[in-house]
Protein backbone atom coordinates (compact mmCIF):
# COMPACT_ATOMS: atom_id res chain seq x y z
CA UNK A 1 0.00 0.00 0.00
CA UNK A 2 1.34 3.37 -1.01
CA UNK A 3 1.28 6.05 1.68
CA UNK A 4 -0.06 9.32 0.27
CA UNK A 5 1.65 12.71 0.58
CA UNK A 6 5.14 11.42 1.38
CA UNK A 7 6.49 13.57 -1.44
CA UNK A 8 3.61 15.62 -2.78
CA UNK A 9 2.12 18.34 -0.55
CA UNK A 10 -1.18 17.76 1.18
CA UNK A 11 -4.03 19.83 -0.26
CA UNK A 12 -5.10 21.04 3.18
CA UNK A 13 -1.68 22.11 4.53
CA UNK A 14 0.41 22.64 1.43
CA UNK A 15 3.27 20.48 2.80
CA UNK A 16 3.98 16.76 2.88
CA UNK A 17 3.04 14.53 5.84
CA UNK A 18 6.43 14.27 7.50
CA UNK A 19 6.83 18.03 7.58
CA UNK A 20 3.41 18.40 9.20
CA UNK A 21 4.45 15.84 11.80
CA UNK A 22 7.78 17.46 12.65
CA UNK A 23 6.19 20.92 13.07
CA UNK A 24 3.59 19.46 15.46
CA UNK A 25 6.36 17.66 17.37
CA UNK A 26 8.46 20.82 17.58
CA UNK A 27 5.44 22.71 18.93
CA UNK A 28 5.31 20.24 21.83
CA UNK A 29 9.06 20.67 22.33
CA UNK A 30 8.62 24.43 22.58
CA UNK A 31 6.12 23.88 25.39
CA UNK A 32 8.49 21.46 27.15
CA UNK A 33 11.51 23.75 27.11
CA UNK A 34 9.33 26.81 27.64
CA UNK A 35 8.12 25.34 30.93
CA UNK A 36 11.67 24.57 32.04
CA UNK A 37 12.91 28.06 31.17
CA UNK A 38 9.96 29.53 33.07
CA UNK A 39 10.89 27.40 36.09
CA UNK A 40 14.45 28.72 35.86
CA UNK A 41 13.26 32.34 35.86
CA UNK A 42 10.89 31.85 38.79
CA UNK A 43 13.41 29.95 40.91
CA UNK A 44 16.13 32.46 40.23
CA UNK A 45 13.92 35.42 41.09
CA UNK A 46 12.90 33.68 44.31
CA UNK A 47 16.44 32.77 45.39
CA UNK A 48 17.91 34.27 48.55
CA UNK A 49 20.14 37.27 47.89
CA UNK A 50 23.76 36.27 47.47
CA UNK A 51 23.01 32.57 47.05
CA UNK A 52 22.61 32.35 43.27
CA UNK A 53 25.82 31.12 41.59
CA UNK A 54 27.76 33.31 39.16
CA UNK A 55 30.80 32.11 37.30
CA UNK A 56 30.34 28.42 38.11
CA UNK A 57 30.46 27.38 34.45
CA UNK A 58 33.38 27.72 32.05
CA UNK A 59 32.35 30.31 29.45
CA UNK A 60 35.13 29.12 27.13
CA UNK A 61 33.66 25.62 26.95
CA UNK A 62 30.16 27.01 26.50
CA UNK A 63 31.40 29.21 23.67
CA UNK A 64 33.15 26.26 22.04
CA UNK A 65 29.95 24.22 22.14
CA UNK A 66 28.02 27.17 20.71
CA UNK A 67 30.43 27.31 17.77
CA UNK A 68 30.20 23.53 17.27
CA UNK A 69 26.41 23.59 17.10
CA UNK A 70 26.40 26.65 14.82
CA UNK A 71 28.71 24.83 12.42
CA UNK A 72 26.58 21.69 12.61
CA UNK A 73 23.52 23.75 11.67
CA UNK A 74 25.37 24.88 8.55
CA UNK A 75 26.56 21.40 7.60
CA UNK A 76 23.13 19.81 8.01
CA UNK A 77 21.66 22.54 5.80
CA UNK A 78 24.37 21.94 3.18
CA UNK A 79 23.62 18.21 3.34
CA UNK A 80 19.99 18.91 2.45
CA UNK A 81 21.02 21.30 -0.35
CA UNK A 82 23.35 18.62 -1.74
CA UNK A 83 20.40 16.21 -1.90
CA UNK A 84 18.23 18.83 -3.62
CA UNK A 85 20.80 19.25 -6.40
CA UNK A 86 21.51 15.51 -6.68
CA UNK A 87 25.03 15.47 -5.21
CA UNK A 88 24.92 12.39 -3.02
CA UNK A 89 28.65 12.37 -2.30
CA UNK A 90 28.55 15.92 -0.96
CA UNK A 91 25.54 14.96 1.14
CA UNK A 92 27.53 12.14 2.74
CA UNK A 93 30.41 14.51 3.49
CA UNK A 94 28.30 17.24 5.08
CA UNK A 95 26.21 14.82 7.11
CA UNK A 96 29.40 13.15 8.37
CA UNK A 97 30.62 16.59 9.46
CA UNK A 98 27.36 17.12 11.36
CA UNK A 99 27.81 13.82 13.20
CA UNK A 100 31.42 14.62 14.15
CA UNK A 101 30.46 18.09 15.40
CA UNK A 102 27.57 16.66 17.43
CA UNK A 103 29.74 14.00 19.06
CA UNK A 104 32.36 16.62 19.88
CA UNK A 105 29.66 18.74 21.53
CA UNK A 106 28.61 15.78 23.67
CA UNK A 107 32.24 15.08 24.56
CA UNK A 108 32.70 18.64 25.81
CA UNK A 109 29.48 18.41 27.80
CA UNK A 110 30.60 15.14 29.42
CA UNK A 111 33.86 16.83 30.41
CA UNK A 112 31.86 19.63 32.05
CA UNK A 113 29.70 17.11 33.92
CA UNK A 114 32.78 15.25 35.14
CA UNK A 115 34.28 18.51 36.37
CA UNK A 116 31.19 19.11 38.52
CA UNK A 117 31.15 15.51 39.73
CA UNK A 118 34.65 15.72 41.23
CA UNK A 119 34.13 19.26 42.64
CA UNK A 120 33.31 19.19 46.38
CA UNK A 121 32.13 21.65 48.98
CA UNK A 122 33.30 20.51 52.41
CA UNK A 123 31.95 22.02 55.61
CA UNK A 124 34.41 21.79 58.48
CA UNK A 125 33.65 21.57 62.19
CA UNK A 126 35.43 24.88 62.84
CA UNK A 127 32.89 26.73 60.64
CA UNK A 128 35.09 27.11 57.57
CA UNK A 129 34.40 25.73 54.11
CA UNK A 130 36.87 23.94 51.84
CA UNK A 131 36.00 23.96 48.17
CA UNK A 132 37.77 22.34 45.24
CA UNK A 133 38.35 19.32 43.04
CA UNK A 134 38.96 15.96 44.62
CA UNK A 135 42.51 14.64 44.16
CA UNK A 136 42.57 11.71 46.57
CA UNK A 137 40.45 10.18 49.28
CA UNK A 138 40.98 7.44 51.86
CA UNK A 139 39.57 6.37 55.22
CA UNK A 140 41.47 9.05 57.16
CA UNK A 141 41.71 12.11 54.89
CA UNK A 142 40.51 13.91 51.79
CA UNK A 143 42.81 15.84 49.46
CA UNK A 144 41.44 18.55 47.18
CA UNK A 145 42.84 21.23 44.93
CA UNK A 146 41.00 24.32 46.13
CA UNK A 147 40.75 26.88 48.93
CA UNK A 148 39.31 27.67 52.35
CA UNK A 149 36.63 30.32 52.93
CA UNK A 150 34.97 31.48 56.13
CA UNK A 151 31.71 32.66 54.52
CA UNK A 152 29.76 30.29 52.28
CA UNK A 153 28.59 33.25 50.17
CA UNK A 154 32.16 33.57 48.90
CA UNK A 155 31.60 30.31 46.99
CA UNK A 156 28.68 31.68 45.00
CA UNK A 157 29.79 34.82 43.13
CA UNK A 158 33.10 33.77 41.59
CA UNK A 159 33.15 36.39 38.84
CA UNK A 160 33.56 39.29 41.26
CA UNK A 161 36.60 37.71 42.97
CA UNK A 162 39.06 37.67 40.09
CA UNK A 163 41.62 34.86 39.80
CA UNK A 164 41.14 32.42 42.67
CA UNK A 165 44.26 30.66 43.98
CA UNK A 166 44.03 26.88 44.15
CA UNK A 167 46.27 24.98 46.53
CA UNK A 168 46.51 21.33 47.43
CA UNK A 169 44.66 20.89 50.73
CA UNK A 170 44.67 17.74 52.84
CA UNK A 171 41.76 17.53 55.28
CA UNK A 172 41.38 14.99 58.04
CA UNK A 173 38.02 13.21 57.96
CA UNK A 174 37.65 13.85 61.69
CA UNK A 175 37.50 17.59 60.90
CA UNK A 176 34.72 17.23 58.31
CA UNK A 177 31.15 17.99 59.28
CA UNK A 178 29.70 17.31 55.81
CA UNK A 179 30.82 17.14 52.19
CA UNK A 180 28.92 17.07 48.93
CA UNK A 181 29.91 17.22 45.29
CA UNK A 182 28.44 19.63 42.75
CA UNK A 183 25.81 17.25 41.45
CA UNK A 184 22.19 18.21 40.74
CA UNK A 185 21.33 17.73 44.43
CA UNK A 186 23.81 20.40 45.58
CA UNK A 187 21.56 23.41 45.00
CA UNK A 188 18.78 24.79 42.81
CA UNK A 189 21.10 26.20 40.14
CA UNK A 190 22.84 22.87 39.57
CA UNK A 191 19.52 21.01 39.55
CA UNK A 192 18.36 23.33 36.76
CA UNK A 193 21.71 23.15 34.98
CA UNK A 194 21.77 19.35 34.85
CA UNK A 195 18.07 19.14 33.93
CA UNK A 196 18.22 21.68 31.11
CA UNK A 197 21.55 20.67 29.62
CA UNK A 198 20.92 16.96 30.23
CA UNK A 199 17.61 17.07 28.37
CA UNK A 200 19.24 19.07 25.61
CA UNK A 201 22.09 16.55 25.39
CA UNK A 202 19.55 13.73 25.04
CA UNK A 203 18.03 15.62 22.10
CA UNK A 204 21.50 15.99 20.59
CA UNK A 205 22.11 12.27 21.04
CA UNK A 206 18.73 11.35 19.53
CA UNK A 207 19.25 13.68 16.58
CA UNK A 208 22.74 12.27 16.02
CA UNK A 209 21.37 8.73 15.93
CA UNK A 210 18.77 9.72 13.33
CA UNK A 211 21.32 11.59 11.23
CA UNK A 212 23.71 8.66 11.56
CA UNK A 213 21.01 6.28 10.34
CA UNK A 214 20.21 8.49 7.35
CA UNK A 215 23.92 8.77 6.59
CA UNK A 216 24.38 4.98 6.83
CA UNK A 217 21.76 2.28 6.17
CA UNK A 218 18.94 4.77 5.62
CA UNK A 219 20.74 6.30 2.65
CA UNK A 220 19.79 3.30 0.52
CA UNK A 221 16.49 5.07 -0.13
CA UNK A 222 18.40 7.56 -2.28
CA UNK A 223 18.60 5.02 -5.11
CA UNK A 224 14.91 4.07 -4.95
CA UNK A 225 13.21 7.37 -4.09
CA UNK A 226 15.61 10.33 -3.92
CA UNK A 227 12.88 12.92 -3.44
CA UNK A 228 11.41 11.16 -0.42
CA UNK A 229 14.91 10.67 1.00
CA UNK A 230 15.58 14.38 0.55
CA UNK A 231 12.41 15.11 2.51
CA UNK A 232 13.69 12.93 5.34
CA UNK A 233 16.90 14.94 5.40
CA UNK A 234 14.87 18.14 5.55
CA UNK A 235 12.77 16.86 8.47
CA UNK A 236 15.82 15.74 10.44
CA UNK A 237 17.39 19.11 9.69
CA UNK A 238 14.38 20.97 11.11
CA UNK A 239 14.73 19.03 14.35
CA UNK A 240 18.47 19.76 14.42
CA UNK A 241 17.91 23.49 13.93
CA UNK A 242 15.48 23.47 16.84
CA UNK A 243 18.09 21.80 19.06
CA UNK A 244 20.59 24.45 17.99
CA UNK A 245 18.11 27.18 18.81
CA UNK A 246 17.51 25.81 22.31
CA UNK A 247 21.25 25.97 23.00
CA UNK A 248 21.33 29.60 21.82
CA UNK A 249 19.02 30.31 24.77
CA UNK A 250 20.72 27.95 27.21
CA UNK A 251 24.19 29.41 26.70
CA UNK A 252 23.53 32.99 27.84
CA UNK A 253 21.03 31.96 30.53
CA UNK A 254 23.37 29.48 32.23
CA UNK A 255 26.86 30.66 31.32
CA UNK A 256 26.68 34.44 31.02
CA UNK A 257 24.18 35.59 33.67
Foldseek 3Di string as FASTA:
>chain_A
DDDPQLQAADPVPRHGDLVVVLVVVVVVVCVVVVVLVVVVVVCVVPDDPLAAAAPPADLVLLVLLLVLLVLLLVLLVVLLVCLVVVNNVSNLVSLVSNLVSLVVSVVSVVVRVVLQQQWKWFQWPVQKIWTAGWDDDDPFKTKGFTDIDNDPSCVGYPVVVPDGHTHIDIGTPVGTPDMDTRALPPDVLNVSVCVLVVVLNVLSVVLSVLSVCLSPVVVVCCVVPSSSSSVSSVSSSVSSVSSSVSSVVVSCVNHPD
